[in-house]
N, C-alpha and C. Protein backbone atom coordinates (compact mmCIF):
# COMPACT_ATOMS: atom_id res chain seq x y z
N MET A 1 -11.45 0.11 -0.49
CA MET A 1 -11.44 -0.11 1.38
C MET A 1 -11.39 1.45 2.05
N ILE A 2 -12.36 1.61 2.86
CA ILE A 2 -12.47 3.29 3.46
C ILE A 2 -11.05 3.32 4.10
N ILE A 3 -10.52 2.61 4.76
CA ILE A 3 -9.55 3.35 5.07
C ILE A 3 -8.31 3.93 4.04
N VAL A 4 -8.26 3.06 3.55
CA VAL A 4 -7.56 3.58 2.54
C VAL A 4 -7.93 4.70 1.88
N GLY A 5 -9.27 5.00 1.47
CA GLY A 5 -9.36 6.51 1.08
C GLY A 5 -9.62 7.74 1.93
N LEU A 6 -9.55 7.28 3.10
CA LEU A 6 -9.49 8.19 4.43
C LEU A 6 -8.47 8.47 4.43
N CYS A 7 -7.23 7.54 4.69
CA CYS A 7 -5.36 7.95 4.33
C CYS A 7 -5.28 8.77 3.27
N ALA A 8 -6.06 8.61 2.20
CA ALA A 8 -5.31 9.13 1.21
C ALA A 8 -5.84 10.66 0.93
N ASP A 9 -6.60 10.89 1.74
CA ASP A 9 -7.65 12.06 2.63
C ASP A 9 -6.49 13.09 2.59
N ASP A 10 -6.57 12.40 4.25
CA ASP A 10 -6.14 12.90 5.16
C ASP A 10 -4.65 12.53 5.62
N TRP A 11 -3.53 13.75 5.81
CA TRP A 11 -2.20 13.39 6.06
C TRP A 11 -2.48 12.96 7.45
N GLY A 12 -2.65 14.05 8.37
CA GLY A 12 -2.86 13.02 9.48
C GLY A 12 -3.24 11.94 9.85
N PHE A 13 -4.53 11.56 9.62
CA PHE A 13 -4.97 10.37 9.61
C PHE A 13 -3.88 9.52 9.16
N TRP A 14 -3.58 9.58 8.10
CA TRP A 14 -2.57 8.65 7.42
C TRP A 14 -1.33 8.52 8.03
N ARG A 15 -0.71 9.49 8.82
CA ARG A 15 0.43 9.25 9.44
C ARG A 15 0.25 8.72 10.55
N THR A 16 -1.07 8.89 11.78
CA THR A 16 -1.40 8.18 12.82
C THR A 16 -1.59 6.62 12.46
N VAL A 17 -2.39 6.28 11.32
CA VAL A 17 -2.68 4.90 11.03
C VAL A 17 -1.49 3.91 10.84
N THR A 18 -0.34 4.53 9.60
CA THR A 18 0.67 4.12 9.06
C THR A 18 1.61 4.12 10.39
N GLY A 19 1.73 4.74 11.10
CA GLY A 19 2.47 4.69 12.48
C GLY A 19 2.27 3.66 13.62
N ASN A 20 0.94 3.70 13.73
CA ASN A 20 0.31 2.73 14.33
C ASN A 20 0.39 1.09 14.14
N LEU A 21 0.07 0.76 12.55
CA LEU A 21 0.34 -0.24 12.02
C LEU A 21 1.74 -0.89 12.48
N LYS A 22 2.76 0.07 12.13
CA LYS A 22 4.13 0.05 12.34
C LYS A 22 4.53 -0.41 13.53
N LEU A 23 3.96 -0.04 14.38
CA LEU A 23 4.16 -0.11 16.32
C LEU A 23 3.68 -1.31 16.29
N THR A 24 2.31 -1.72 15.84
CA THR A 24 1.69 -3.07 16.01
C THR A 24 2.48 -4.16 15.55
N GLY A 25 3.23 -3.92 14.23
CA GLY A 25 4.22 -5.20 13.93
C GLY A 25 5.36 -5.42 14.85
N SER A 26 5.96 -4.08 15.10
CA SER A 26 6.99 -4.49 16.19
C SER A 26 6.82 -5.13 17.56
N TYR A 27 5.63 -4.72 18.06
CA TYR A 27 5.50 -5.58 19.31
C TYR A 27 4.45 -6.91 19.32
N LEU A 28 4.62 -7.60 17.75
CA LEU A 28 4.03 -8.74 18.01
C LEU A 28 4.39 -10.08 18.59
N ASP A 29 6.02 -9.92 19.00
CA ASP A 29 6.83 -10.50 19.46
C ASP A 29 6.41 -10.65 20.82
N GLY A 30 5.81 -9.68 21.12
CA GLY A 30 5.96 -9.78 22.78
C GLY A 30 4.73 -10.34 23.04
N TYR A 31 3.76 -11.15 22.51
CA TYR A 31 2.43 -11.70 22.69
C TYR A 31 2.95 -13.15 22.86
N PRO A 32 3.28 -13.57 23.92
CA PRO A 32 3.30 -15.20 24.07
C PRO A 32 2.43 -16.38 23.03
N GLN A 33 1.24 -15.51 23.37
CA GLN A 33 -0.19 -15.93 23.45
C GLN A 33 -0.46 -16.46 21.91
N LEU A 34 0.12 -15.70 21.13
CA LEU A 34 0.22 -15.70 19.76
C LEU A 34 1.39 -16.97 19.01
N THR A 35 0.75 -17.29 18.31
CA THR A 35 1.63 -18.61 17.50
C THR A 35 2.53 -18.01 16.24
N ALA A 36 3.41 -18.29 15.91
CA ALA A 36 4.13 -18.09 14.92
C ALA A 36 3.32 -17.62 13.75
N GLU A 37 2.23 -18.33 13.12
CA GLU A 37 1.73 -18.41 12.53
C GLU A 37 0.50 -17.60 12.78
N ASP A 38 0.32 -17.39 13.94
CA ASP A 38 -0.89 -15.77 13.92
C ASP A 38 0.20 -14.64 13.70
N ARG A 39 1.28 -14.74 13.83
CA ARG A 39 2.39 -13.37 13.79
C ARG A 39 2.23 -13.20 12.60
N GLN A 40 2.57 -14.73 11.66
CA GLN A 40 2.96 -14.18 10.27
C GLN A 40 1.64 -13.78 9.58
N VAL A 41 0.50 -13.89 9.94
CA VAL A 41 -0.76 -13.65 9.37
C VAL A 41 -1.11 -11.91 9.83
N VAL A 42 -0.88 -11.83 10.86
CA VAL A 42 -1.06 -9.86 10.98
C VAL A 42 0.08 -9.41 10.60
N ARG A 43 1.64 -9.73 10.59
CA ARG A 43 2.37 -9.19 9.63
C ARG A 43 2.09 -8.88 8.14
N GLN A 44 1.40 -9.80 7.50
CA GLN A 44 1.21 -10.29 6.01
C GLN A 44 0.10 -9.27 5.92
N ARG A 45 -1.05 -9.43 6.49
CA ARG A 45 -2.09 -8.03 6.84
C ARG A 45 -1.55 -6.71 6.68
N ILE A 46 -0.70 -6.41 7.73
CA ILE A 46 -0.38 -5.26 7.83
C ILE A 46 0.50 -4.71 6.56
N ALA A 47 0.99 -5.69 5.94
CA ALA A 47 1.78 -4.79 4.70
C ALA A 47 1.00 -4.68 4.07
N GLU A 48 0.29 -5.69 3.77
CA GLU A 48 -0.99 -5.45 2.39
C GLU A 48 -2.09 -4.46 2.42
N LEU A 49 -2.17 -3.98 3.48
CA LEU A 49 -2.59 -2.63 4.09
C LEU A 49 -1.67 -1.61 4.13
N MET A 50 -0.47 -1.98 4.30
CA MET A 50 0.38 -0.54 4.12
C MET A 50 0.80 -0.53 2.36
N ALA A 51 0.85 -1.52 1.68
CA ALA A 51 0.98 -1.28 0.42
C ALA A 51 -0.17 -0.77 -0.29
N LEU A 52 -1.38 -0.73 0.21
CA LEU A 52 -2.61 -0.05 -0.62
C LEU A 52 -2.86 1.25 -0.26
N ILE A 53 -2.63 1.65 1.30
CA ILE A 53 -2.39 2.74 1.78
C ILE A 53 -1.22 3.70 0.87
N ASP A 54 -0.26 2.84 0.55
CA ASP A 54 1.22 3.63 -0.43
C ASP A 54 0.71 3.89 -1.57
N ALA A 55 -0.24 2.62 -2.09
CA ALA A 55 -0.30 2.79 -3.68
C ALA A 55 -1.62 4.34 -3.73
N ALA A 56 -2.37 4.57 -3.14
CA ALA A 56 -3.25 5.30 -3.29
C ALA A 56 -3.02 6.69 -3.62
N PRO A 57 -3.89 7.01 -4.45
CA PRO A 57 -3.54 8.53 -5.13
C PRO A 57 -3.96 9.55 -3.92
N LYS A 58 -2.74 10.22 -3.52
CA LYS A 58 -3.35 11.14 -2.53
C LYS A 58 -3.71 12.67 -3.18
N SER A 59 -4.73 13.17 -2.18
CA SER A 59 -5.65 14.35 -2.48
C SER A 59 -4.78 15.61 -2.38
N SER A 60 -4.94 16.57 -2.98
CA SER A 60 -4.21 17.95 -2.96
C SER A 60 -3.83 18.51 -1.41
N LYS A 61 -4.96 18.23 -0.93
CA LYS A 61 -5.05 18.67 0.82
C LYS A 61 -3.87 18.02 1.30
N TRP A 62 -3.90 16.33 0.90
CA TRP A 62 -2.80 15.65 1.80
C TRP A 62 -1.42 15.70 1.34
N LYS A 63 -1.31 15.98 -0.01
CA LYS A 63 -0.05 16.92 -0.34
C LYS A 63 0.37 18.10 0.23
N LEU A 64 -0.77 18.83 0.41
CA LEU A 64 -0.15 20.19 1.12
C LEU A 64 0.54 20.18 2.37
N ARG A 65 -0.53 19.15 3.04
CA ARG A 65 -0.02 18.77 4.63
C ARG A 65 1.45 18.56 4.61
N SER A 66 1.20 17.21 3.80
CA SER A 66 2.55 16.28 4.01
C SER A 66 3.85 17.09 4.04
N LYS A 67 4.10 18.37 3.47
CA LYS A 67 4.98 19.40 2.85
C LYS A 67 5.70 19.80 4.41
N ILE A 68 4.20 20.23 5.62
CA ILE A 68 4.40 20.52 6.71
C ILE A 68 4.99 19.60 7.46
N GLY A 69 4.77 18.20 7.26
CA GLY A 69 4.72 16.87 7.88
C GLY A 69 4.52 17.06 9.41
N GLU A 70 5.65 16.72 10.53
CA GLU A 70 5.52 16.42 11.83
C GLU A 70 5.72 17.84 12.69
N ARG A 71 6.13 18.66 11.75
CA ARG A 71 7.00 19.99 12.66
C ARG A 71 5.29 20.72 13.28
N VAL A 72 4.20 20.55 12.48
CA VAL A 72 3.22 21.18 13.39
C VAL A 72 2.19 19.78 13.69
N LYS A 73 1.39 20.05 15.22
CA LYS A 73 0.97 18.97 15.79
C LYS A 73 -0.20 18.21 14.61
N TRP A 74 -0.46 17.43 14.37
CA TRP A 74 -1.56 16.69 13.44
C TRP A 74 -2.90 15.91 14.35
N TYR A 75 -2.53 15.86 15.44
CA TYR A 75 -3.49 15.27 16.73
C TYR A 75 -3.89 15.83 17.78
N LYS A 76 -5.05 15.63 18.45
CA LYS A 76 -5.47 16.37 19.39
C LYS A 76 -5.31 15.80 20.87
N ASP A 77 -4.82 16.05 21.72
CA ASP A 77 -4.57 15.09 22.78
C ASP A 77 -5.99 15.06 23.70
N VAL A 78 -5.66 13.94 24.15
CA VAL A 78 -6.88 13.71 24.90
C VAL A 78 -7.30 14.62 25.98
N GLU A 79 -6.77 15.64 26.61
CA GLU A 79 -7.31 16.58 27.46
C GLU A 79 -7.80 18.08 26.26
N GLU A 80 -7.45 18.02 25.22
CA GLU A 80 -8.04 18.79 24.36
C GLU A 80 -9.64 18.36 24.09
N LEU A 81 -9.42 16.94 23.83
CA LEU A 81 -11.30 16.24 23.73
C LEU A 81 -11.55 16.54 25.12
N ALA A 82 -11.07 16.54 26.25
CA ALA A 82 -12.26 16.63 27.27
C ALA A 82 -12.34 17.68 27.39
N ASP A 83 -11.89 19.06 27.01
CA ASP A 83 -12.61 20.33 27.16
C ASP A 83 -13.57 20.89 26.18
N ARG A 84 -13.99 19.84 25.21
CA ARG A 84 -15.23 20.38 24.60
C ARG A 84 -16.40 20.10 25.24
């Protein structure tokens, strides 16, 4: 899977993707349009994707950046992107 490879190479991307997957799972019950079966399918797919991401061997660059963690911002704000 392409997403797994990208997450294994880039700590910032990994942090953003895994954070959003967890957030998505936590919001599922807030969508009454989804059936219980729909929610279960989404939760299962999130769990499968998280397992693949976690199991993938991480690059040296990823490991070095992970030591810094969230102390240093890993993303760009929308305003920063608009200034380009």
